[in-house]
Amino acid sequence: MLDRVNDQNELASVRYFANDLEILRPGRCVRCAVSGQLIALEDLRYWNAERQEAYASAEFALQRWQALQGGDG
């Protein structure tokens, strides 16, 4: 994962699909919807196509899913 972004142009704009993604605006990374961490595009593995959110890890994806279900685990 990345530590910081030097320029807003480094943030990519991405459209997420169930099994794929489309880069709408080139960049090096996206932000995790839960932690705010930067995720290099080559490291991006977890996202929610319905909510159009990226997650830095499976744990963050689960945490977000649980929050949306109204539970905490």
N, C-alpha and C. Protein backbone atom coordinates (compact mmCIF):
# COMPACT_ATOMS: atom_id res chain seq x y z
N MET A 1 0.82 -1.18 0.00
CA MET A 1 0.00 0.00 0.00
C MET A 1 0.87 1.25 0.00
N LEU A 2 0.29 2.31 -0.39
CA LEU A 2 1.01 3.57 -0.48
C LEU A 2 0.85 4.35 0.82
N ASP A 3 1.81 5.21 1.11
CA ASP A 3 1.73 6.03 2.31
C ASP A 3 0.98 7.34 2.07
N ARG A 4 1.21 7.94 0.91
CA ARG A 4 0.57 9.22 0.65
C ARG A 4 0.51 9.47 -0.85
N VAL A 5 -0.29 10.46 -1.20
CA VAL A 5 -0.42 10.86 -2.59
C VAL A 5 0.15 12.26 -2.70
N ASN A 6 1.06 12.46 -3.64
CA ASN A 6 1.68 13.77 -3.81
C ASN A 6 0.77 14.73 -4.56
N ASP A 7 -0.15 14.21 -5.32
CA ASP A 7 -0.95 15.02 -6.22
C ASP A 7 -2.30 14.34 -6.40
N GLN A 8 -3.37 15.12 -6.44
CA GLN A 8 -4.69 14.53 -6.65
C GLN A 8 -4.76 13.76 -7.97
N ASN A 9 -3.89 14.11 -8.93
CA ASN A 9 -3.87 13.40 -10.20
C ASN A 9 -3.41 11.95 -10.05
N GLU A 10 -2.83 11.63 -8.91
CA GLU A 10 -2.40 10.25 -8.67
C GLU A 10 -3.57 9.35 -8.28
N LEU A 11 -4.67 9.94 -7.83
CA LEU A 11 -5.86 9.15 -7.49
C LEU A 11 -6.62 8.81 -8.76
N ALA A 12 -6.85 7.54 -8.96
CA ALA A 12 -7.60 7.07 -10.13
C ALA A 12 -9.09 7.18 -9.86
N SER A 13 -9.84 7.31 -10.89
CA SER A 13 -11.29 7.20 -10.82
C SER A 13 -11.65 5.85 -11.44
N VAL A 14 -12.38 5.05 -10.68
CA VAL A 14 -12.62 3.67 -11.08
C VAL A 14 -14.11 3.34 -11.00
N ARG A 15 -14.60 2.60 -11.97
CA ARG A 15 -15.96 2.04 -11.92
C ARG A 15 -15.79 0.55 -11.63
N TYR A 16 -16.45 0.10 -10.57
CA TYR A 16 -16.33 -1.28 -10.13
C TYR A 16 -17.51 -2.10 -10.64
N PHE A 17 -17.19 -3.29 -11.14
CA PHE A 17 -18.18 -4.27 -11.56
C PHE A 17 -18.01 -5.50 -10.68
N ALA A 18 -18.91 -6.47 -10.79
CA ALA A 18 -18.85 -7.65 -9.94
C ALA A 18 -17.50 -8.38 -10.03
N ASN A 19 -16.98 -8.55 -11.23
CA ASN A 19 -15.74 -9.31 -11.41
C ASN A 19 -14.66 -8.55 -12.15
N ASP A 20 -14.82 -7.26 -12.26
CA ASP A 20 -13.87 -6.46 -13.05
C ASP A 20 -13.98 -5.01 -12.62
N LEU A 21 -13.11 -4.20 -13.15
CA LEU A 21 -13.18 -2.77 -12.92
C LEU A 21 -12.75 -2.04 -14.17
N GLU A 22 -13.17 -0.80 -14.27
CA GLU A 22 -12.83 0.04 -15.42
C GLU A 22 -12.19 1.32 -14.91
N ILE A 23 -11.03 1.64 -15.44
CA ILE A 23 -10.34 2.88 -15.07
C ILE A 23 -10.97 4.01 -15.87
N LEU A 24 -11.62 4.94 -15.18
CA LEU A 24 -12.25 6.08 -15.83
C LEU A 24 -11.28 7.26 -15.97
N ARG A 25 -10.43 7.43 -14.94
CA ARG A 25 -9.39 8.45 -14.98
C ARG A 25 -8.11 7.81 -14.46
N PRO A 26 -7.07 7.82 -15.26
CA PRO A 26 -5.81 7.18 -14.84
C PRO A 26 -5.27 7.76 -13.53
N GLY A 27 -4.62 6.91 -12.80
CA GLY A 27 -3.97 7.29 -11.56
C GLY A 27 -3.22 6.09 -11.02
N ARG A 28 -2.56 6.29 -9.90
CA ARG A 28 -1.77 5.21 -9.30
C ARG A 28 -2.53 4.43 -8.23
N CYS A 29 -3.58 5.06 -7.65
CA CYS A 29 -4.20 4.45 -6.49
C CYS A 29 -5.64 4.92 -6.31
N VAL A 30 -6.32 4.25 -5.35
CA VAL A 30 -7.65 4.64 -4.90
C VAL A 30 -7.62 4.63 -3.37
N ARG A 31 -8.65 5.16 -2.74
CA ARG A 31 -8.73 5.18 -1.28
C ARG A 31 -9.67 4.10 -0.77
N CYS A 32 -9.29 3.48 0.33
CA CYS A 32 -10.14 2.51 1.01
C CYS A 32 -11.32 3.26 1.63
N ALA A 33 -12.53 2.77 1.39
CA ALA A 33 -13.74 3.41 1.90
C ALA A 33 -13.86 3.30 3.42
N VAL A 34 -13.16 2.36 4.03
CA VAL A 34 -13.26 2.17 5.48
C VAL A 34 -12.13 2.88 6.21
N SER A 35 -10.90 2.65 5.79
CA SER A 35 -9.74 3.16 6.53
C SER A 35 -9.17 4.45 5.97
N GLY A 36 -9.48 4.75 4.71
CA GLY A 36 -8.89 5.92 4.07
C GLY A 36 -7.49 5.66 3.54
N GLN A 37 -6.99 4.44 3.73
CA GLN A 37 -5.67 4.07 3.23
C GLN A 37 -5.64 4.16 1.72
N LEU A 38 -4.48 4.47 1.20
CA LEU A 38 -4.29 4.45 -0.25
C LEU A 38 -3.99 3.02 -0.69
N ILE A 39 -4.60 2.62 -1.79
CA ILE A 39 -4.42 1.28 -2.35
C ILE A 39 -3.88 1.44 -3.76
N ALA A 40 -2.68 0.93 -4.01
CA ALA A 40 -2.13 0.95 -5.36
C ALA A 40 -3.05 0.12 -6.26
N LEU A 41 -3.29 0.58 -7.45
CA LEU A 41 -4.20 -0.16 -8.34
C LEU A 41 -3.76 -1.61 -8.54
N GLU A 42 -2.47 -1.84 -8.61
CA GLU A 42 -2.00 -3.21 -8.80
C GLU A 42 -2.25 -4.10 -7.58
N ASP A 43 -2.53 -3.48 -6.42
CA ASP A 43 -2.82 -4.23 -5.19
C ASP A 43 -4.30 -4.32 -4.88
N LEU A 44 -5.14 -3.66 -5.66
CA LEU A 44 -6.58 -3.62 -5.40
C LEU A 44 -7.20 -4.99 -5.66
N ARG A 45 -7.78 -5.59 -4.62
CA ARG A 45 -8.38 -6.91 -4.72
C ARG A 45 -9.83 -6.94 -4.23
N TYR A 46 -10.23 -5.97 -3.41
CA TYR A 46 -11.54 -6.01 -2.77
C TYR A 46 -12.31 -4.72 -3.05
N TRP A 47 -13.56 -4.89 -3.51
CA TRP A 47 -14.43 -3.74 -3.74
C TRP A 47 -15.87 -4.19 -3.71
N ASN A 48 -16.76 -3.21 -3.64
CA ASN A 48 -18.20 -3.45 -3.67
C ASN A 48 -18.75 -2.73 -4.89
N ALA A 49 -19.19 -3.49 -5.88
CA ALA A 49 -19.67 -2.90 -7.13
C ALA A 49 -20.96 -2.11 -6.91
N GLU A 50 -21.83 -2.59 -6.04
CA GLU A 50 -23.09 -1.90 -5.79
C GLU A 50 -22.86 -0.54 -5.15
N ARG A 51 -21.95 -0.48 -4.19
CA ARG A 51 -21.67 0.78 -3.49
C ARG A 51 -20.55 1.58 -4.13
N GLN A 52 -19.84 0.98 -5.10
CA GLN A 52 -18.72 1.63 -5.78
C GLN A 52 -17.66 2.08 -4.77
N GLU A 53 -17.25 1.11 -3.92
CA GLU A 53 -16.25 1.35 -2.88
C GLU A 53 -15.11 0.36 -3.00
N ALA A 54 -13.92 0.83 -2.71
CA ALA A 54 -12.73 -0.01 -2.67
C ALA A 54 -12.35 -0.28 -1.22
N TYR A 55 -11.70 -1.42 -0.97
CA TYR A 55 -11.27 -1.79 0.37
C TYR A 55 -9.83 -2.26 0.33
N ALA A 56 -9.06 -1.89 1.34
CA ALA A 56 -7.63 -2.22 1.39
C ALA A 56 -7.37 -3.68 1.73
N SER A 57 -8.36 -4.36 2.33
CA SER A 57 -8.17 -5.76 2.71
C SER A 57 -9.52 -6.45 2.85
N ALA A 58 -9.47 -7.76 2.96
CA ALA A 58 -10.69 -8.53 3.18
C ALA A 58 -11.31 -8.14 4.53
N GLU A 59 -10.49 -7.84 5.51
CA GLU A 59 -10.99 -7.45 6.82
C GLU A 59 -11.79 -6.15 6.74
N PHE A 60 -11.31 -5.19 5.97
CA PHE A 60 -12.04 -3.93 5.81
C PHE A 60 -13.34 -4.15 5.03
N ALA A 61 -13.31 -5.02 4.04
CA ALA A 61 -14.52 -5.33 3.28
C ALA A 61 -15.56 -5.97 4.20
N LEU A 62 -15.13 -6.90 5.05
CA LEU A 62 -16.04 -7.54 5.99
C LEU A 62 -16.58 -6.53 7.00
N GLN A 63 -15.71 -5.68 7.49
CA GLN A 63 -16.12 -4.65 8.45
C GLN A 63 -17.21 -3.76 7.85
N ARG A 64 -17.03 -3.36 6.61
CA ARG A 64 -18.02 -2.52 5.94
C ARG A 64 -19.32 -3.29 5.73
N TRP A 65 -19.24 -4.55 5.31
CA TRP A 65 -20.43 -5.37 5.11
C TRP A 65 -21.21 -5.51 6.42
N GLN A 66 -20.49 -5.77 7.52
CA GLN A 66 -21.14 -5.91 8.82
C GLN A 66 -21.82 -4.61 9.23
N ALA A 67 -21.18 -3.48 8.99
CA ALA A 67 -21.77 -2.19 9.32
C ALA A 67 -23.05 -1.96 8.52
N LEU A 68 -23.04 -2.35 7.26
CA LEU A 68 -24.21 -2.18 6.41
C LEU A 68 -25.36 -3.11 6.82
N GLN A 69 -25.00 -4.23 7.47
CA GLN A 69 -26.02 -5.18 7.94
C GLN A 69 -26.58 -4.76 9.29
N GLY A 70 -25.98 -3.74 9.90
CA GLY A 70 -26.44 -3.26 11.18
C GLY A 70 -25.86 -4.01 12.35
N GLY A 71 -24.82 -4.81 12.10
CA GLY A 71 -24.19 -5.56 13.18
C GLY A 71 -22.74 -5.18 13.34
N ASP A 72 -22.14 -5.63 14.41
CA ASP A 72 -20.73 -5.35 14.63
C ASP A 72 -19.91 -6.63 14.71
N GLY A 73 -20.46 -7.70 14.26
CA GLY A 73 -19.69 -8.94 14.25
C GLY A 73 -20.43 -9.99 14.94
